[in-house]
Amino acid sequence: MALKYATNNALSNTTALPSAVPTDNLILISTQTASNSANISFTGINGTYDMYEFKFINIQPRTDGDNFEFNFSTDSGSNYNVTKTTTFFESYHNESDSDAGLQYQTGYDLAQSTSFQKLSLLVGGASDENACGTLQLFNPSSTTYVKHFISTFNNSSYNDYNLNDCMAGYCNTTSAVNAVRFKCQIGNFDGTIKMYGVKKS
């Protein structure tokens, strides 16, 4: 196997990498910051990328103990009501070390429902409380297959628990998914959401 060399002798002078050197395939598309916002929506999801990844940084509800949730659209955001089937489970541990466990949350999964899906439960609204996590959406522009998604969130809940929420499911539609909306179930929220695209190989 032939070795690949940078085009210049010193790294500080390097202006280009050889074509065989891999680069990061996670491309930042958009960043939105919520400030007492009712919701944040991302449109323009298309076939440019095989997978879209959303990163949530310091999501803090204005209502203590609110649930953070999302829904998809197939009509560029005119409606957020895609049919979904999902699973949801959660691990928990409180600050006093008196309660911990892992449980399937049957009340927060969906079965052929167009409702908003929960991402993170009972997120604390105190000054030092928030939720952070990731949502991945696979092949949203396919008109052949259903659209799978997976999320993981960690949050400091309103009752001094650490909650780790894991959710997965699929949009039961062969229409292309082209938009997504994030919101709290009850009130407004603060925080930053970034949308990335994973480059096609």
Protein backbone atom coordinates (compact mmCIF):
# COMPACT_ATOMS: atom_id res chain seq x y z
CA MET A 1 0.00 0.00 0.00
CA ALA A 2 1.43 3.37 -1.00
CA LEU A 3 1.81 5.99 1.70
CA LYS A 4 -0.01 9.33 1.30
CA TYR A 5 1.85 12.55 2.09
CA ALA A 6 0.65 16.09 2.71
CA THR A 7 1.38 18.46 -0.18
CA ASN A 8 3.73 20.65 1.92
CA ASN A 9 6.63 19.78 4.22
CA ALA A 10 5.34 21.61 7.30
CA LEU A 11 1.85 21.10 8.73
CA SER A 12 1.51 24.85 9.26
CA ASN A 13 1.95 25.32 5.50
CA THR A 14 -0.42 22.53 4.46
CA THR A 15 -3.19 23.85 2.22
CA ALA A 16 -4.75 20.57 1.10
CA LEU A 17 -4.92 16.95 2.19
CA PRO A 18 -4.35 14.06 -0.20
CA SER A 19 -7.57 12.72 -1.67
CA ALA A 20 -7.28 9.46 0.27
CA VAL A 21 -7.10 11.16 3.69
CA PRO A 22 -10.55 10.89 5.33
CA THR A 23 -12.30 14.03 6.58
CA ASP A 24 -15.24 14.49 8.94
CA ASN A 25 -18.52 13.43 7.32
CA LEU A 26 -20.70 15.28 9.88
CA ILE A 27 -21.63 18.58 8.24
CA LEU A 28 -23.24 21.38 10.28
CA ILE A 29 -26.27 22.65 8.35
CA SER A 30 -28.08 24.92 10.77
CA THR A 31 -28.06 26.18 14.36
CA GLN A 32 -31.11 27.62 16.12
CA THR A 33 -31.29 29.06 19.62
CA ALA A 34 -34.51 29.06 21.61
CA SER A 35 -35.15 31.97 23.97
CA ASN A 36 -38.50 31.53 25.69
CA SER A 37 -39.63 29.91 22.42
CA ALA A 38 -42.81 27.91 21.86
CA ASN A 39 -41.08 25.67 19.30
CA ILE A 40 -38.19 25.40 16.87
CA SER A 41 -38.60 23.89 13.40
CA PHE A 42 -36.05 22.73 10.84
CA THR A 43 -37.16 22.54 7.20
CA GLY A 44 -35.13 21.70 4.12
CA ILE A 45 -34.41 18.08 5.03
CA ASN A 46 -33.74 16.42 1.67
CA GLY A 47 -31.78 13.75 -0.16
CA THR A 48 -28.46 15.56 0.12
CA TYR A 49 -27.62 13.45 3.18
CA ASP A 50 -28.31 9.82 4.06
CA MET A 51 -28.76 10.70 7.73
CA TYR A 52 -29.54 13.82 9.73
CA GLU A 53 -28.38 14.29 13.30
CA PHE A 54 -29.75 16.84 15.77
CA LYS A 55 -27.78 17.86 18.86
CA PHE A 56 -29.54 19.49 21.80
CA ILE A 57 -27.52 21.69 24.15
CA ASN A 58 -28.87 22.96 27.47
CA ILE A 59 -32.58 22.55 26.74
CA GLN A 60 -34.34 24.20 29.67
CA PRO A 61 -38.12 24.41 29.94
CA ARG A 62 -39.77 27.50 31.41
CA THR A 63 -42.19 25.10 33.16
CA ASP A 64 -40.45 22.95 35.77
CA GLY A 65 -40.81 19.24 35.03
CA ASP A 66 -41.90 19.68 31.41
CA ASN A 67 -41.43 17.02 28.71
CA PHE A 68 -39.40 17.80 25.58
CA GLU A 69 -40.85 16.32 22.37
CA PHE A 70 -40.84 16.34 18.55
CA ASN A 71 -42.77 15.48 15.42
CA PHE A 72 -41.96 15.16 11.71
CA SER A 73 -43.56 16.61 8.58
CA THR A 74 -43.92 15.33 5.02
CA ASP A 75 -45.29 18.63 3.65
CA SER A 76 -42.39 20.99 4.46
CA GLY A 77 -43.83 22.03 7.80
CA SER A 78 -47.46 22.74 6.97
CA ASN A 79 -48.38 19.89 9.33
CA TYR A 80 -46.38 17.98 11.92
CA ASN A 81 -48.35 14.75 12.14
CA VAL A 82 -46.38 11.81 10.75
CA THR A 83 -47.55 8.35 11.85
CA LYS A 84 -44.99 6.78 14.19
CA THR A 85 -44.42 3.59 16.18
CA THR A 86 -41.82 3.88 18.95
CA THR A 87 -40.27 2.42 22.10
CA PHE A 88 -39.13 4.38 25.17
CA PHE A 89 -37.11 3.32 28.20
CA GLU A 90 -35.41 5.20 31.00
CA SER A 91 -32.77 4.76 33.65
CA TYR A 92 -32.90 6.95 36.75
CA HIS A 93 -30.88 7.75 39.88
CA ASN A 94 -31.55 10.40 42.50
CA GLU A 95 -29.04 12.68 44.24
CA SER A 96 -29.58 11.10 47.66
CA ASP A 97 -28.68 7.66 46.25
CA SER A 98 -31.90 6.22 47.65
CA ASP A 99 -33.64 5.36 44.37
CA ALA A 100 -32.34 4.01 41.06
CA GLY A 101 -33.54 1.73 38.31
CA LEU A 102 -34.28 1.01 34.67
CA GLN A 103 -37.80 0.78 33.26
CA TYR A 104 -39.74 0.59 30.02
CA GLN A 105 -42.01 3.64 29.84
CA THR A 106 -45.21 2.29 28.29
CA GLY A 107 -46.94 5.64 28.71
CA TYR A 108 -44.44 7.40 26.44
CA ASP A 109 -44.24 5.07 23.45
CA LEU A 110 -46.48 5.41 20.39
CA ALA A 111 -48.32 2.84 18.30
CA GLN A 112 -49.35 4.14 14.87
CA SER A 113 -49.83 7.61 16.32
CA THR A 114 -49.49 11.07 14.79
CA SER A 115 -48.90 12.65 18.22
CA PHE A 116 -45.66 14.33 19.25
CA GLN A 117 -43.09 11.84 20.56
CA LYS A 118 -41.34 12.48 23.89
CA LEU A 119 -37.56 12.83 23.82
CA SER A 120 -36.81 13.73 27.45
CA LEU A 121 -39.08 13.50 30.49
CA LEU A 122 -39.61 15.79 33.48
CA VAL A 123 -36.82 18.20 32.57
CA GLY A 124 -35.98 20.56 35.41
CA GLY A 125 -36.52 24.28 34.97
CA ALA A 126 -34.33 25.56 37.82
CA SER A 127 -31.33 27.73 36.99
CA ASP A 128 -28.89 24.79 37.03
CA GLU A 129 -31.14 22.18 35.36
CA ASN A 130 -31.36 21.23 31.67
CA ALA A 131 -31.38 18.37 29.17
CA CYS A 132 -28.85 17.47 26.47
CA GLY A 133 -29.06 14.81 23.80
CA THR A 134 -29.02 13.58 20.23
CA LEU A 135 -31.65 12.53 17.68
CA GLN A 136 -30.69 10.66 14.49
CA LEU A 137 -32.99 10.38 11.46
CA PHE A 138 -32.06 7.85 8.79
CA ASN A 139 -32.69 8.12 5.03
CA PRO A 140 -35.56 10.63 5.37
CA SER A 141 -35.96 11.19 1.62
CA SER A 142 -36.65 7.55 0.79
CA THR A 143 -39.94 6.95 -0.99
CA THR A 144 -39.54 3.18 -0.63
CA TYR A 145 -38.91 2.53 3.06
CA VAL A 146 -40.16 3.69 6.46
CA LYS A 147 -37.88 6.24 8.22
CA HIS A 148 -36.05 5.08 11.35
CA PHE A 149 -34.90 7.36 14.17
CA ILE A 150 -33.02 6.95 17.47
CA SER A 151 -32.49 9.36 20.36
CA THR A 152 -30.61 9.48 23.66
CA PHE A 153 -31.07 12.24 26.25
CA ASN A 154 -29.69 12.92 29.69
CA ASN A 155 -31.38 15.42 31.96
CA SER A 156 -31.43 16.80 35.47
CA SER A 157 -35.07 16.45 36.41
CA TYR A 158 -37.11 18.76 38.58
CA ASN A 159 -37.10 16.35 41.55
CA ASP A 160 -33.30 15.93 41.85
CA TYR A 161 -33.00 12.86 39.65
CA ASN A 162 -30.64 12.15 36.80
CA LEU A 163 -32.70 10.65 33.97
CA ASN A 164 -31.31 8.93 30.89
CA ASP A 165 -34.04 8.59 28.26
CA CYS A 166 -33.64 6.31 25.23
CA MET A 167 -36.20 6.28 22.42
CA ALA A 168 -36.34 4.68 18.97
CA GLY A 169 -38.94 4.15 16.30
CA TYR A 170 -39.96 4.68 12.71
CA CYS A 171 -42.18 6.94 10.66
CA ASN A 172 -44.63 4.55 9.03
CA THR A 173 -44.75 6.34 5.70
CA THR A 174 -43.09 5.99 2.32
CA SER A 175 -43.41 9.75 1.77
CA ALA A 176 -40.22 11.74 2.21
CA VAL A 177 -39.80 13.37 5.63
CA ASN A 178 -38.65 16.95 5.04
CA ALA A 179 -39.13 18.90 8.29
CA VAL A 180 -39.10 18.45 12.07
CA ARG A 181 -40.42 20.48 15.02
CA PHE A 182 -39.20 20.47 18.62
CA LYS A 183 -41.13 21.84 21.60
CA CYS A 184 -42.03 21.32 25.22
CA GLN A 185 -45.33 19.66 26.03
CA ILE A 186 -46.63 22.47 28.23
CA GLY A 187 -44.66 25.71 27.96
CA ASN A 188 -41.79 27.52 26.27
CA PHE A 189 -38.10 26.64 26.46
CA ASP A 190 -34.52 27.88 26.05
CA GLY A 191 -31.54 26.13 24.50
CA THR A 192 -29.60 25.44 21.33
CA ILE A 193 -30.35 22.87 18.63
CA LYS A 194 -27.93 22.03 15.82
CA MET A 195 -28.80 20.09 12.66
CA TYR A 196 -26.05 18.11 10.95
CA GLY A 197 -26.02 16.06 7.78
CA VAL A 198 -24.00 12.88 7.40
CA LYS A 199 -22.30 13.01 4.02
CA LYS A 200 -22.91 10.28 1.49
CA SER A 201 -19.88 8.07 1.00
